[in-house]
Amino acid sequence: ILRCLVGSEMCIRDRYKNMGKVDQKNKRGDIYKITDAVIHLYLVYMFAIFPLVLHDGYKDITITKYNFFKNGVLALLIIMALLLVLYLTDRSGNTGHPGSDRAVSKKHTILASDVFMVLFLIAGFFAFLAAKDRMAAFTGELGRRCGFAFLLLVGAAYICVAVGCSVKEWIYPVFACVSGLTYLMSILQHLEIDLFHLYASIRFDQRPMFISTFGNINMYASFLCLTIPLFMAAGMYADKCWKRVLYTFVLFLGGMAVIAANSDVAYIGIGVPMVVLLLAGIRNRVKTYDDRMVIGQNSTCDPFLGWLIGYAGIVLGYTVMAFLTTGTGKGYDKLTGLAKLVDHRLILTIESIVLVIGSLLYGWGSRKKADCVVAQKKGLRSVKDKKQASTMGCWKVIFWSVVGILILTAFVTVVTGVGNQWEIFTFDDEWGNYRGYVWNRLFRIYQDLPFVNKVFGTGNESIYTLMSARYSDEMIEVTGTVYDSAHNEYLQYLVTMGIVGLITYLGLIITSIVNGVKLVKENPLCMPLLAGMIGYVVQAFVNVEQPITTPFLFLFLALMAGMRRRS
């Protein structure tokens, strides 16, 4: 009798002990859900509100965006810190054995991009210590507010978002709607329709340099380089028809906005990811098409078809804007550089017609083959392996043909440009709107720096001080202005954060690309982030770091790291 009573007591004790473990698991699951919800709330803050924020028009747009970003990061930090305390206190009550949930926490992965992000912050700290004016290096007040404080903010945002957030599908449509509004605003401003009277306090001769809710046209071009490739990739892998329609319409507005931006930066930053997405669409076309069509899914999953439709939308929007600009004359006198392509209306029209008709015919052919494959799968006809093999072989030929054509085109363009001394291939002080002057002088400055400053830099946002001290009179005489930025982010990091800062930044970019490439195979939702990141990385060669669009880059990197960790 005693043995039976003791046995019953032990059974009851084990039962309650197991129930406690289940409760602890549920609590941790709730914490993870709350964390995910908080991160997505922050994404809405950045994707839906941040692009539209203005205070006093264009007068204080840089500091306004900086403060808005800073407040969002600080709020996110506070909430995440509270959740971390809750998580740690919950774990402290777990006295389980190695087979319990405590062992599961050891599976949390530290990615290479996480390591480089931390090293990048450490490099920023040493650059701050090496600066002569540490207060200016911390605040970035002598430049675009990208001092050490800004690095701490983007680092904190990266760490909070990269803990393991899985991007929800509704994030991209929300971002598309908000970006579409900024596109539309720039289009109207280019056509001399200033709905919100943002030009009222700007000198007439300075108005062409400001647009939409991003201020300087180069900053707006940077936003286009981030978003247009993102929406192109999102449309390529859209699983529903309404999403593809939404992305195509936004890309149509984006094509119009490229002309309104009137910056060669947009053409460079959009063109490269477009080529990458084209190659990805052709390469993945057979796998995506055959695998998904065999199980009878919708043919809108064909990424190559999505690329055709998206690119057709961009070119069609660009063509419409070209007719509006040249036909009405509104905004035409503002255009410079590659924006003068609006004069070739006939070529743009033919290209638009060919792309639209080609998309329709290809989509119709894809639908017919999809129906055929589904019928084969249902047993109406047997699947012919030889036919499938020939199809895959045909698309491989197309893929490598496109690669060869792109390489040949680039080679011929460079050789012809150098031989004919085209302006873009003639590097002198006037190259790229005096970017050649700034780059040349900054390389000289870097060569003459002490060894410590070559390694750790001269302090964040110290370009103004360096250029003014050595080339003040010459700079004003040649360029007519005083530069506070290198107009090349990589050169900027080399001078201000030294070779250590540049290497850690490049390491962060490269490891993040690796994260994206590996994750795309499992989760197509990562492709838009990867495309947007490539767009930013390319335009960064001729653009400046600032708190208006640069936070999106680190947000994309963090999201890819979080998705990789979650996978």
Foldseek 3Di string as FASTA:
>chain_A
DVVVVVVVVVVVVVVVVVVVLVVLVVVVVVLVVVLLVLLVVLLCLCLQPLLQDDDQFQPCLQVRSVVSLQVSLVVLVVVVVVSVVVNVVSVVVDPDDCVGCVVVVVLQDDFLLNVLLVLLLVLLVLLLVQAPPNVCQQQVPLFFRCHSVVSVSLSSSLVSLQSFHADDPVSLLSSLVNLLVQLVQLLCVLLVNNPPCSCVPPDPVCVLQQGGSQGGLLSVLLVLLQNLLLLLLCQLQPQDDVSVVSSLQSLLSSLLSVLSSQAVLNVFLNVVLLLVLLLVLLLCQLVQLVVQLLVPGDLSRRNNLSSLSNVLSNLNSNLVNLCSCVVVVRNPVSHDDPSVCSVVNVVSVVVSVCSVVVSVVVNVVSVVVSVVSNCCSVPVNPDDPVVSVVVSVVSVVVSVVSVVVVVVVVVVVLVVCVVVVPLQNPQDCPHPLRLSVLLVVLVVVLVPDPPSCQAFANGAQCSQVSCCVPPVVVCCVPRVDGDSFSQAALSRCSHSGHPSSSVSVVSSLVSLLVLLVVCCVPPSSLSSLNSSLSSSNRSNRRGGDHSSCVSSNSNSSSNSSSNSSND
